[in-house]
C-alpha atoms as a PDB file:
ATOM      1  CA  MET A   1     197.681 113.450 129.931  1.00  0.00           C
ATOM      2  CA  PRO A   2     196.365 115.721 127.061  1.00  0.00           C
ATOM      3  CA  TYR A   3     196.428 119.465 127.889  1.00  0.00           C
ATOM      4  CA  ALA A   4     193.460 120.786 129.305  1.00  0.00           C
ATOM      5  CA  PRO A   5     193.118 124.829 129.206  1.00  0.00           C
ATOM      6  CA  GLN A   6     194.189 126.362 133.093  1.00  0.00           C
ATOM      7  CA  GLN A   7     191.384 128.704 133.631  1.00  0.00           C
ATOM      8  CA  ALA A   8     189.530 129.173 136.525  1.00  0.00           C
ATOM      9  CA  ASP A   9     185.964 127.618 136.641  1.00  0.00           C
ATOM     10  CA  VAL A  10     183.127 129.618 135.179  1.00  0.00           C
ATOM     11  CA  ALA A  11     179.366 128.846 136.524  1.00  0.00           C
ATOM     12  CA  THR A  12     176.553 130.604 135.043  1.00  0.00           C
ATOM     13  CA  PRO A  13     173.010 129.770 135.884  1.00  0.00           C
ATOM     14  CA  GLU A  14     172.198 129.440 132.016  1.00  0.00           C
ATOM     15  CA  LEU A  15     175.136 126.604 132.611  1.00  0.00           C
ATOM     16  CA  ASP A  16     173.827 124.988 135.416  1.00  0.00           C
ATOM     17  CA  SER A  17     170.484 124.307 134.679  1.00  0.00           C
ATOM     18  CA  ALA A  18     171.264 123.326 131.010  1.00  0.00           C
ATOM     19  CA  LEU A  19     173.562 120.881 132.283  1.00  0.00           C
ATOM     20  CA  ARG A  20     170.565 119.302 135.068  1.00  0.00           C
ATOM     21  CA  GLY A  21     167.754 119.609 131.878  1.00  0.00           C
ATOM     22  CA  GLY A  22     169.745 119.143 128.615  1.00  0.00           C
ATOM     23  CA  PRO A  23     169.105 119.727 125.573  1.00  0.00           C
ATOM     24  CA  PHE A  24     172.707 118.729 124.514  1.00  0.00           C
ATOM     25  CA  HIS A  25     173.531 121.706 122.251  1.00  0.00           C
ATOM     26  CA  VAL A  26     172.293 124.117 125.204  1.00  0.00           C
ATOM     27  CA  ALA A  27     174.597 122.935 127.517  1.00  0.00           C
ATOM     28  CA  LEU A  28     177.624 123.045 124.846  1.00  0.00           C
ATOM     29  CA  ARG A  29     176.641 126.015 124.039  1.00  0.00           C
ATOM     30  CA  ALA A  30     176.518 127.792 127.373  1.00  0.00           C
ATOM     31  CA  ALA A  31     180.023 125.522 128.792  1.00  0.00           C
ATOM     32  CA  ILE A  32     181.787 126.885 125.559  1.00  0.00           C
ATOM     33  CA  ALA A  33     180.392 130.494 126.435  1.00  0.00           C
ATOM     34  CA  ALA A  34     181.092 130.602 130.136  1.00  0.00           C
ATOM     35  CA  ARG A  35     185.294 129.259 129.838  1.00  0.00           C
ATOM     36  CA  GLY A  36     184.603 132.140 126.846  1.00  0.00           C
ATOM     37  CA  LEU A  37     186.440 129.649 124.179  1.00  0.00           C
ATOM     38  CA  PRO A  38     186.311 130.399 120.320  1.00  0.00           C
ATOM     39  CA  LEU A  39     185.017 127.722 118.622  1.00  0.00           C
ATOM     40  CA  GLN A  40     188.392 127.610 116.900  1.00  0.00           C
ATOM     41  CA  ARG A  41     190.453 126.939 120.636  1.00  0.00           C
ATOM     42  CA  VAL A  42     187.991 124.371 121.636  1.00  0.00           C
ATOM     43  CA  GLN A  43     188.725 122.826 118.043  1.00  0.00           C
ATOM     44  CA  HIS A  44     192.937 123.356 118.899  1.00  0.00           C
ATOM     45  CA  HIS A  45     192.482 121.858 122.632  1.00  0.00           C
ATOM     46  CA  LEU A  46     190.504 118.556 120.397  1.00  0.00           C
ATOM     47  CA  THR A  47     193.670 118.151 118.709  1.00  0.00           C
ATOM     48  CA  ARG A  48     195.929 117.434 121.748  1.00  0.00           C
ATOM     49  CA  TYR A  49     193.462 115.083 123.084  1.00  0.00           C
ATOM     50  CA  GLY A  50     194.090 112.608 119.469  1.00  0.00           C
ATOM     51  CA  VAL A  51     190.539 113.807 118.051  1.00  0.00           C
ATOM     52  CA  LYS A  52     189.791 115.975 114.886  1.00  0.00           C
ATOM     53  CA  VAL A  53     186.083 117.567 114.658  1.00  0.00           C
ATOM     54  CA  GLY A  54     185.514 120.447 112.878  1.00  0.00           C
ATOM     55  CA  VAL A  55     184.666 123.858 113.327  1.00  0.00           C
ATOM     56  CA  THR A  56     181.931 123.546 111.169  1.00  0.00           C
ATOM     57  CA  SER A  57     180.776 120.278 113.527  1.00  0.00           C
ATOM     58  CA  LEU A  58     181.229 121.916 116.275  1.00  0.00           C
ATOM     59  CA  SER A  59     179.075 125.103 115.481  1.00  0.00           C
ATOM     60  CA  TYR A  60     176.475 122.535 114.213  1.00  0.00           C
ATOM     61  CA  TRP A  61     176.731 120.538 117.603  1.00  0.00           C
ATOM     62  CA  GLN A  62     175.988 123.745 119.271  1.00  0.00           C
ATOM     63  CA  GLN A  63     172.914 124.457 117.651  1.00  0.00           C
ATOM     64  CA  GLY A  64     171.513 121.507 117.707  1.00  0.00           C
ATOM     65  CA  ALA A  65     171.405 121.045 113.710  1.00  0.00           C
ATOM     66  CA  ARG A  66     173.210 117.836 114.168  1.00  0.00           C
ATOM     67  CA  ARG A  67     174.208 115.570 117.410  1.00  0.00           C
ATOM     68  CA  PRO A  68     177.176 113.732 117.652  1.00  0.00           C
ATOM     69  CA  GLN A  69     176.868 109.870 117.273  1.00  0.00           C
ATOM     70  CA  ARG A  70     179.781 108.031 115.617  1.00  0.00           C
ATOM     71  CA  PRO A  71     182.929 106.643 117.433  1.00  0.00           C
ATOM     72  CA  GLU A  72     184.876 108.985 116.769  1.00  0.00           C
ATOM     73  CA  SER A  73     182.471 111.996 117.641  1.00  0.00           C
ATOM     74  CA  LEU A  74     181.460 110.853 121.043  1.00  0.00           C
ATOM     75  CA  ARG A  75     185.164 110.381 122.132  1.00  0.00           C
ATOM     76  CA  ALA A  76     185.459 114.193 121.577  1.00  0.00           C
ATOM     77  CA  VAL A  77     182.334 114.597 123.540  1.00  0.00           C
ATOM     78  CA  ARG A  78     184.181 113.059 126.313  1.00  0.00           C
ATOM     79  CA  ALA A  79     187.264 115.549 125.649  1.00  0.00           C
ATOM     80  CA  LEU A  80     185.197 118.612 125.227  1.00  0.00           C
ATOM     81  CA  GLU A  81     183.984 117.543 129.392  1.00  0.00           C
ATOM     82  CA  GLU A  82     187.271 117.681 130.585  1.00  0.00           C
ATOM     83  CA  ILE A  83     188.031 121.138 128.339  1.00  0.00           C
ATOM     84  CA  LEU A  84     185.276 122.721 129.706  1.00  0.00           C
ATOM     85  CA  ARG A  85     185.713 121.536 132.811  1.00  0.00           C
ATOM     86  CA  LEU A  86     182.872 119.727 133.550  1.00  0.00           C
ATOM     87  CA  PRO A  87     181.841 117.010 135.731  1.00  0.00           C
ATOM     88  CA  ASP A  88     182.338 113.510 133.901  1.00  0.00           C
ATOM     89  CA  GLU A  89     179.685 112.216 132.283  1.00  0.00           C
ATOM     90  CA  SER A  90     177.648 115.527 132.313  1.00  0.00           C
ATOM     91  CA  LEU A  91     177.647 116.479 128.164  1.00  0.00           C
ATOM     92  CA  ILE A  92     177.358 112.035 127.473  1.00  0.00           C
ATOM     93  CA  ARG A  93     174.360 111.686 129.921  1.00  0.00           C
ATOM     94  CA  LEU A  94     172.465 114.724 127.896  1.00  0.00           C
ATOM     95  CA  LEU A  95     173.327 112.597 124.401  1.00  0.00           C
ATOM     96  CA  ALA A  96     171.917 109.337 126.388  1.00  0.00           C
ATOM     97  CA  GLU A  97     168.615 111.022 126.774  1.00  0.00           C
ATOM     98  CA  THR A  98     166.014 111.355 124.569  1.00  0.00           C
ATOM     99  CA  GLY A  99     165.222 114.687 123.090  1.00  0.00           C
ATOM    100  CA  GLU A 100     162.029 114.692 122.988  1.00  0.00           C
ATOM    101  CA  GLN A 101     160.820 114.413 126.796  1.00  0.00           C
ATOM    102  CA  PRO A 102     159.727 117.692 129.304  1.00  0.00           C
ATOM    103  CA  ALA A 103     163.192 117.908 131.504  1.00  0.00           C
ATOM    104  CA  GLY A 104     160.842 117.377 134.458  1.00  0.00           C
ATOM    105  CA  ARG A 105     159.631 114.320 132.985  1.00  0.00           C
ATOM    106  CA  ARG A 106     162.349 112.367 132.483  1.00  0.00           C
ATOM    107  CA  ALA A 107     163.126 108.895 133.708  1.00  0.00           C
ATOM    108  CA  ALA A 108     166.327 107.890 135.627  1.00  0.00           C
ATOM    109  CA  ALA A 109     168.146 106.314 132.450  1.00  0.00           C
ATOM    110  CA  ARG A 110     171.683 104.554 132.979  1.00  0.00           C
ATOM    111  CA  SER A 111     174.254 106.415 132.610  1.00  0.00           C
ATOM    112  CA  TYR A 112     177.355 105.864 129.469  1.00  0.00           C
ATOM    113  CA  ARG A 113     179.788 105.098 131.881  1.00  0.00           C
ATOM    114  CA  SER A 114     177.945 102.266 133.396  1.00  0.00           C
ATOM    115  CA  LEU A 115     176.586 101.360 130.625  1.00  0.00           C
ATOM    116  CA  ILE A 116     180.235 100.697 129.112  1.00  0.00           C
ATOM    117  CA  GLU A 117     181.790  99.211 132.790  1.00  0.00           C
ATOM    118  CA  ALA A 118     179.118  96.396 132.685  1.00  0.00           C
ATOM    119  CA  SER A 119     179.735  95.427 129.097  1.00  0.00           C
ATOM    120  CA  ASP A 120     183.317  95.023 130.291  1.00  0.00           C
ATOM    121  CA  VAL A 121     182.217  92.757 133.074  1.00  0.00           C
ATOM    122  CA  LEU A 122     179.833  90.942 131.045  1.00  0.00           C
ATOM    123  CA  ARG A 123     182.589  89.742 129.007  1.00  0.00           C
ATOM    124  CA  ASP A 124     184.716  88.680 131.662  1.00  0.00           C
ATOM    125  CA  LEU A 125     181.658  86.599 133.418  1.00  0.00           C
ATOM    126  CA  LEU A 126     181.036  85.061 130.027  1.00  0.00           C
ATOM    127  CA  ALA A 127     184.503  83.966 129.497  1.00  0.00           C
ATOM    128  CA  ALA A 128     184.345  82.248 132.982  1.00  0.00           C
ATOM    129  CA  LEU A 129     181.790  80.610 131.578  1.00  0.00           C
ATOM    130  CA  ASP A 130     183.377  79.959 128.501  1.00  0.00           C
ATOM    131  CA  ALA A 131     180.946  81.362 126.827  1.00  0.00           C
ATOM    132  CA  SER A 132     180.458  83.733 123.892  1.00  0.00           C
ATOM    133  CA  PRO A 133     178.170  85.465 121.359  1.00  0.00           C
ATOM    134  CA  ASP A 134     179.312  82.792 118.817  1.00  0.00           C
ATOM    135  CA  ASP A 135     177.960  79.805 120.700  1.00  0.00           C
ATOM    136  CA  GLU A 136     174.824  81.019 121.381  1.00  0.00           C
ATOM    137  CA  PRO A 137     171.992  79.789 119.219  1.00  0.00           C
ATOM    138  CA  GLN A 138     169.344  82.070 116.951  1.00  0.00           C
ATOM    139  CA  THR A 139     166.828  83.470 118.826  1.00  0.00           C
ATOM    140  CA  LEU A 140     163.111  82.753 116.954  1.00  0.00           C
ATOM    141  CA  GLY A 141     161.740  84.553 119.084  1.00  0.00           C
ATOM    142  CA  HIS A 142     161.762  85.912 123.410  1.00  0.00           C
ATOM    143  CA  TYR A 143     158.322  86.816 125.759  1.00  0.00           C
ATOM    144  CA  GLU A 144     160.203  88.500 128.634  1.00  0.00           C
ATOM    145  CA  ARG A 145     157.006  89.272 131.589  1.00  0.00           C
ATOM    146  CA  VAL A 146     158.621  92.137 134.142  1.00  0.00           C
ATOM    147  CA  ARG A 147     156.929  92.697 137.476  1.00  0.00           C
ATOM    148  CA  VAL A 148     157.120  95.551 139.328  1.00  0.00           C
ATOM    149  CA  GLY A 149     156.665  95.379 142.984  1.00  0.00           C
ATOM    150  CA  ALA A 150     154.854  97.391 145.747  1.00  0.00           C
ATOM    151  CA  ARG A 151     157.855  99.343 146.420  1.00  0.00           C
ATOM    152  CA  ARG A 152     157.982 100.612 142.651  1.00  0.00           C
ATOM    153  CA  GLU A 153     161.249  98.383 142.810  1.00  0.00           C
ATOM    154  CA  LEU A 154     162.084  95.298 139.671  1.00  0.00           C
ATOM    155  CA  ALA A 155     160.842  92.622 141.303  1.00  0.00           C
ATOM    156  CA  GLY A 156     161.941  89.819 138.607  1.00  0.00           C
ATOM    157  CA  ARG A 157     161.201  89.330 135.207  1.00  0.00           C
ATOM    158  CA  GLU A 158     160.198  85.754 133.234  1.00  0.00           C
ATOM    159  CA  SER A 159     161.942  85.086 130.048  1.00  0.00           C
ATOM    160  CA  GLU A 160     160.558  82.471 127.513  1.00  0.00           C
ATOM    161  CA  HIS A 161     162.705  81.923 124.448  1.00  0.00           C
ATOM    162  CA  ILE A 162     162.337  79.844 120.956  1.00  0.00           C
ATOM    163  CA  VAL A 163     166.078  78.972 119.994  1.00  0.00           C
ATOM    164  CA  ARG A 164     167.905  77.281 117.075  1.00  0.00           C
ATOM    165  CA  ALA A 165     171.095  75.278 117.011  1.00  0.00           C
ATOM    166  CA  HIS A 166     173.316  76.984 114.053  1.00  0.00           C
ATOM    167  CA  ARG A 167     175.668  73.933 114.532  1.00  0.00           C
ATOM    168  CA  ASP A 168     175.953  70.693 116.149  1.00  0.00           C
ATOM    169  CA  GLY A 169     176.086  70.399 119.843  1.00  0.00           C
ATOM    170  CA  VAL A 170     174.353  73.003 121.072  1.00  0.00           C
ATOM    171  CA  ASP A 171     173.288  72.299 124.754  1.00  0.00           C
ATOM    172  CA  ARG A 172     172.865  75.596 127.213  1.00  0.00           C
ATOM    173  CA  PHE A 173     171.988  79.085 126.804  1.00  0.00           C
ATOM    174  CA  VAL A 174     173.803  82.144 129.307  1.00  0.00           C
ATOM    175  CA  ALA A 175     170.976  84.448 130.058  1.00  0.00           C
ATOM    176  CA  VAL A 176     172.282  87.957 131.112  1.00  0.00           C
ATOM    177  CA  HIS A 177     170.503  89.993 133.878  1.00  0.00           C
ATOM    178  CA  HIS A 178     171.604  93.352 134.669  1.00  0.00           C
ATOM    179  CA  GLY A 179     169.534  95.238 138.038  1.00  0.00           C
ATOM    180  CA  ASP A 180     168.615  98.717 138.646  1.00  0.00           C
ATOM    181  CA  PRO A 181     171.579 100.992 140.370  1.00  0.00           C
ATOM    182  CA  GLY A 182     172.097  99.951 143.982  1.00  0.00           C
ATOM    183  CA  CYS A 183     171.421  96.371 143.629  1.00  0.00           C
ATOM    184  CA  ALA A 184     172.959  93.109 144.809  1.00  0.00           C
ATOM    185  CA  PRO A 185     172.925  90.064 142.303  1.00  0.00           C
ATOM    186  CA  GLU A 186     174.606  87.976 145.293  1.00  0.00           C
ATOM    187  CA  ARG A 187     170.884  87.848 146.446  1.00  0.00           C
ATOM    188  CA  MET A 188     169.464  87.281 142.916  1.00  0.00           C
ATOM    189  CA  ALA A 189     167.401  83.744 142.161  1.00  0.00           C
ATOM    190  CA  VAL A 190     167.540  82.386 138.981  1.00  0.00           C
ATOM    191  CA  HIS A 191     164.911  79.276 138.260  1.00  0.00           C
ATOM    192  CA  ALA A 192     164.514  77.279 135.438  1.00  0.00           C
ATOM    193  CA  LEU A 193     161.053  76.911 134.526  1.00  0.00           C
ATOM    194  CA  GLU A 194     160.649  74.535 131.463  1.00  0.00           C
ATOM    195  CA  ASN A 195     162.818  72.193 129.463  1.00  0.00           C
ATOM    196  CA  CYS A 196     166.126  73.943 131.177  1.00  0.00           C
ATOM    197  CA  ARG A 197     167.971  73.826 134.973  1.00  0.00           C
ATOM    198  CA  THR A 198     170.463  76.052 136.091  1.00  0.00           C
ATOM    199  CA  GLY A 199     173.882  75.636 135.869  1.00  0.00           C
ATOM    200  CA  ARG A 200     176.919  78.051 136.971  1.00  0.00           C
ATOM    201  CA  VAL A 201     175.361  81.240 138.445  1.00  0.00           C
ATOM    202  CA  ARG A 202     178.191  84.398 137.822  1.00  0.00           C
ATOM    203  CA  TRP A 203     177.581  87.735 139.078  1.00  0.00           C
ATOM    204  CA  HIS A 204     179.669  91.373 139.379  1.00  0.00           C
ATOM    205  CA  HIS A 205     178.386  93.313 142.800  1.00  0.00           C
ATOM    206  CA  GLU A 206     179.373  96.900 142.206  1.00  0.00           C
ATOM    207  CA  THR A 207     177.842  96.723 138.053  1.00  0.00           C
ATOM    208  CA  GLY A 208     174.971  94.484 139.490  1.00  0.00           C
ATOM    209  CA  VAL A 209     175.522  91.907 136.187  1.00  0.00           C
ATOM    210  CA  LEU A 210     174.209  87.974 136.595  1.00  0.00           C
ATOM    211  CA  VAL A 211     174.940  85.753 134.248  1.00  0.00           C
ATOM    212  CA  ALA A 212     173.526  82.148 134.838  1.00  0.00           C
ATOM    213  CA  GLU A 213     173.752  78.829 132.515  1.00  0.00           C
ATOM    214  CA  LEU A 214     170.355  77.713 131.756  1.00  0.00           C
ATOM    215  CA  LEU A 215     171.183  74.148 130.456  1.00  0.00           C
ATOM    216  CA  PHE A 216     169.527  71.597 128.021  1.00  0.00           C
ATOM    217  CA  ASP A 217     168.839  67.807 128.697  1.00  0.00           C
ATOM    218  CA  THR A 218     169.718  67.096 124.913  1.00  0.00           C
ATOM    219  CA  ARG A 219     172.067  68.264 122.531  1.00  0.00           C
ATOM    220  CA  LEU A 220     170.539  69.971 119.617  1.00  0.00           C
ATOM    221  CA  ARG A 221     171.996  69.499 116.172  1.00  0.00           C
ATOM    222  CA  ALA A 222     172.163  72.002 113.269  1.00  0.00           C
ATOM    223  CA  GLY A 223     168.688  73.443 112.551  1.00  0.00           C
ATOM    224  CA  GLU A 224     166.978  72.266 115.459  1.00  0.00           C
ATOM    225  CA  THR A 225     164.969  74.452 117.194  1.00  0.00           C
ATOM    226  CA  PHE A 226     163.815  74.328 121.072  1.00  0.00           C
ATOM    227  CA  LEU A 227     162.261  76.440 123.749  1.00  0.00           C
ATOM    228  CA  PHE A 228     162.948  76.949 127.272  1.00  0.00           C
ATOM    229  CA  ARG A 229     161.620  79.337 130.286  1.00  0.00           C
ATOM    230  CA  TYR A 230     163.044  81.043 133.219  1.00  0.00           C
ATOM    231  CA  ALA A 231     162.812  83.249 135.529  1.00  0.00           C
ATOM    232  CA  VAL A 232     165.080  85.809 137.914  1.00  0.00           C
ATOM    233  CA  GLU A 233     164.056  87.490 141.218  1.00  0.00           C
ATOM    234  CA  ASP A 234     165.476  90.669 141.790  1.00  0.00           C
ATOM    235  CA  GLY A 235     163.730  93.336 144.263  1.00  0.00           C
ATOM    236  CA  THR A 236     167.215  93.941 145.509  1.00  0.00           C
ATOM    237  CA  ALA A 237     167.068  97.836 144.515  1.00  0.00           C
ATOM    238  CA  GLY A 238     165.203 100.959 144.851  1.00  0.00           C
ATOM    239  CA  VAL A 239     162.619 102.769 142.405  1.00  0.00           C
ATOM    240  CA  ALA A 240     162.766 101.433 139.113  1.00  0.00           C
ATOM    241  CA  HIS A 241     162.122 103.996 136.109  1.00  0.00           C
ATOM    242  CA  GLU A 242     162.618 101.568 133.265  1.00  0.00           C
ATOM    243  CA  TYR A 243     163.503  98.211 131.796  1.00  0.00           C
ATOM    244  CA  VAL A 244     166.000  97.842 128.983  1.00  0.00           C
ATOM    245  CA  ARG A 245     166.793  94.848 126.325  1.00  0.00           C
ATOM    246  CA  GLY A 246     169.704  94.754 124.394  1.00  0.00           C
ATOM    247  CA  SER A 247     170.484  92.841 121.592  1.00  0.00           C
ATOM    248  CA  GLY A 248     173.930  93.149 119.711  1.00  0.00           C
ATOM    249  CA  SER A 249     172.630  91.039 116.815  1.00  0.00           C
ATOM    250  CA  PRO A 250     169.397  90.458 114.894  1.00  0.00           C
ATOM    251  CA  GLY A 251     167.006  87.924 115.829  1.00  0.00           C
ATOM    252  CA  GLY A 252     163.153  87.093 115.929  1.00  0.00           C
ATOM    253  CA  GLN A 253     160.363  88.546 117.895  1.00  0.00           C
ATOM    254  CA  TYR A 254     160.231  89.983 120.886  1.00  0.00           C
ATOM    255  CA  ALA A 255     157.359  90.745 122.805  1.00  0.00           C
ATOM    256  CA  LEU A 256     158.047  93.159 126.145  1.00  0.00           C
ATOM    257  CA  GLN A 257     155.691  92.908 129.087  1.00  0.00           C
ATOM    258  CA  VAL A 258     155.847  95.045 132.563  1.00  0.00           C
ATOM    259  CA  ARG A 259     153.422  94.254 135.107  1.00  0.00           C
ATOM    260  CA  PHE A 260     152.926  96.378 138.246  1.00  0.00           C
ATOM    261  CA  ALA A 261     151.365  95.836 141.779  1.00  0.00           C
ATOM    262  CA  VAL A 262     148.678  96.323 143.111  1.00  0.00           C
ATOM    263  CA  GLY A 263     148.963 100.345 144.272  1.00  0.00           C
ATOM    264  CA  ALA A 264     152.319 101.111 141.866  1.00  0.00           C
ATOM    265  CA  LEU A 265     150.306 101.988 139.117  1.00  0.00           C
ATOM    266  CA  PRO A 266     152.816 105.359 137.023  1.00  0.00           C
ATOM    267  CA  VAL A 267     151.203 108.276 135.707  1.00  0.00           C
ATOM    268  CA  ARG A 268     152.702 107.817 131.811  1.00  0.00           C
ATOM    269  CA  CYS A 269     154.653 104.661 129.988  1.00  0.00           C
ATOM    270  CA  HIS A 270     156.254 104.845 126.877  1.00  0.00           C
ATOM    271  CA  ARG A 271     158.628 102.929 125.047  1.00  0.00           C
ATOM    272  CA  PHE A 272     162.399 103.769 123.557  1.00  0.00           C
ATOM    273  CA  THR A 273     164.734 102.320 121.147  1.00  0.00           C
ATOM    274  CA  GLN A 274     168.771 103.241 121.584  1.00  0.00           C
ATOM    275  CA  GLN A 275     170.864 102.487 119.237  1.00  0.00           C
ATOM    276  CA  SER A 276     174.225 102.046 121.441  1.00  0.00           C
ATOM    277  CA  PRO A 277     174.628 103.514 125.022  1.00  0.00           C
ATOM    278  CA  ALA A 278     176.447 106.618 123.914  1.00  0.00           C
ATOM    279  CA  ALA A 279     173.806 107.096 121.347  1.00  0.00           C
ATOM    280  CA  PRO A 280     170.584 109.517 121.676  1.00  0.00           C
ATOM    281  CA  ARG A 281     167.408 107.624 122.343  1.00  0.00           C
ATOM    282  CA  GLY A 282     164.369 107.832 120.224  1.00  0.00           C
ATOM    283  CA  GLY A 283     161.497 105.985 118.593  1.00  0.00           C
ATOM    284  CA  ARG A 284     159.489 107.510 121.713  1.00  0.00           C
ATOM    285  CA  GLN A 285     156.171 106.467 122.041  1.00  0.00           C
ATOM    286  CA  ASP A 286     152.869 106.519 124.755  1.00  0.00           C
ATOM    287  CA  LEU A 287     152.125 103.120 125.585  1.00  0.00           C
ATOM    288  CA  PRO A 288     148.648 103.283 127.541  1.00  0.00           C
ATOM    289  CA  VAL A 289     148.599 101.394 131.093  1.00  0.00           C
ATOM    290  CA  SER A 290     145.996  98.826 131.180  1.00  0.00           C
ATOM    291  CA  GLU A 291     144.115 100.573 135.190  1.00  0.00           C
ATOM    292  CA  ARG A 292     142.619  96.533 135.028  1.00  0.00           C
ATOM    293  CA  HIS A 293     145.357  94.583 134.139  1.00  0.00           C
ATOM    294  CA  ARG A 294     147.959  96.923 135.492  1.00  0.00           C
ATOM    295  CA  SER A 295     150.572  96.393 132.866  1.00  0.00           C
ATOM    296  CA  VAL A 296     151.986  98.082 129.457  1.00  0.00           C
ATOM    297  CA  HIS A 297     154.015  96.111 126.714  1.00  0.00           C
ATOM    298  CA  LEU A 298     155.452  96.343 123.087  1.00  0.00           C
ATOM    299  CA  VAL A 299     156.277  93.847 120.683  1.00  0.00           C
ATOM    300  CA  GLU A 300     159.173  94.147 117.660  1.00  0.00           C
ATOM    301  CA  PRO A 301     158.411  91.781 114.960  1.00  0.00           C
ATOM    302  CA  ARG A 302     162.199  91.485 114.209  1.00  0.00           C
ATOM    303  CA  VAL A 303     164.570  92.232 116.534  1.00  0.00           C
ATOM    304  CA  ARG A 304     167.849  94.678 115.357  1.00  0.00           C
ATOM    305  CA  PRO A 305     171.128  95.382 116.863  1.00  0.00           C
ATOM    306  CA  GLY A 306     170.491  97.659 119.880  1.00  0.00           C
ATOM    307  CA  MET A 307     168.336  98.483 122.608  1.00  0.00           C
ATOM    308  CA  VAL A 308     164.733  98.756 123.315  1.00  0.00           C
ATOM    309  CA  GLY A 309     162.540  99.462 126.618  1.00  0.00           C
ATOM    310  CA  ILE A 310     159.401 100.848 128.243  1.00  0.00           C
ATOM    311  CA  GLY A 311     160.216 103.935 130.479  1.00  0.00           C
ATOM    312  CA  TRP A 312     157.544 105.285 133.364  1.00  0.00           C
ATOM    313  CA  ASP A 313     156.766 107.804 135.450  1.00  0.00           C
ATOM    314  CA  TRP A 314     155.149 107.636 138.572  1.00  0.00           C
ATOM    315  CA  GLU A 315     154.487 111.201 139.319  1.00  0.00           C
END
């Protein structure tokens, strides 16, 4: 276990407020000041964690001139949480939130830890289905419709895919659904709607991750295209604040529509992008909500690796 400075915890109103509402650089500056550590000492403690960060970088981070984004820098942030005796995920969480929103309007976002745990679980679930990302057909188009229910919960979603086989013998697609915190994936249902049938379904309760085989009735040859449609019925968690779609490789067009139930219309909506779970959110753009159709949407002409989503505020 790396050495952490043995000093009494010092709580200040400024530090408490910054850890709750951010932004990251203000919280970091307040934490360093509360511990009474010069930056040279902070750097020294980081080396004991096997992390090398210059004093200049630390200074830039606490001034807001730069934000840690590289893997080594994110390791440093996690070490800083221990060195400065902060709650787990307190600084990482602030990095994952966009700095463009007022603190009172931030939607509840998944923590960095929950996303990393989910990615580890997903790898195991895919292995249980003898699936890997290399087996997936190339996505040419993906249209996703998400329903938010009367209890403001993620009621379900429907996905329509257009794919192209990159090799002979492709005969399935493995769908992934990540429910909201507190969901029960064992109570969800997967429905094959068009040109496919449901195969094996696996889930992990603690992370809310579900994977399902969508089996084609034909084996595609390399270069052949295929269109299919399926749905996931969820509705097992509490109030939803966003929907996020991640991609590990470039793809074709992606369109996301979120439709809200009668009497459950949010006060505002926005789109966002995120390069990785630990990266800050960017690309924020307000989206007009159609009161007549109770829906918002986004379109990505060409999908890039990373995450894209729609968030909303209830009040």
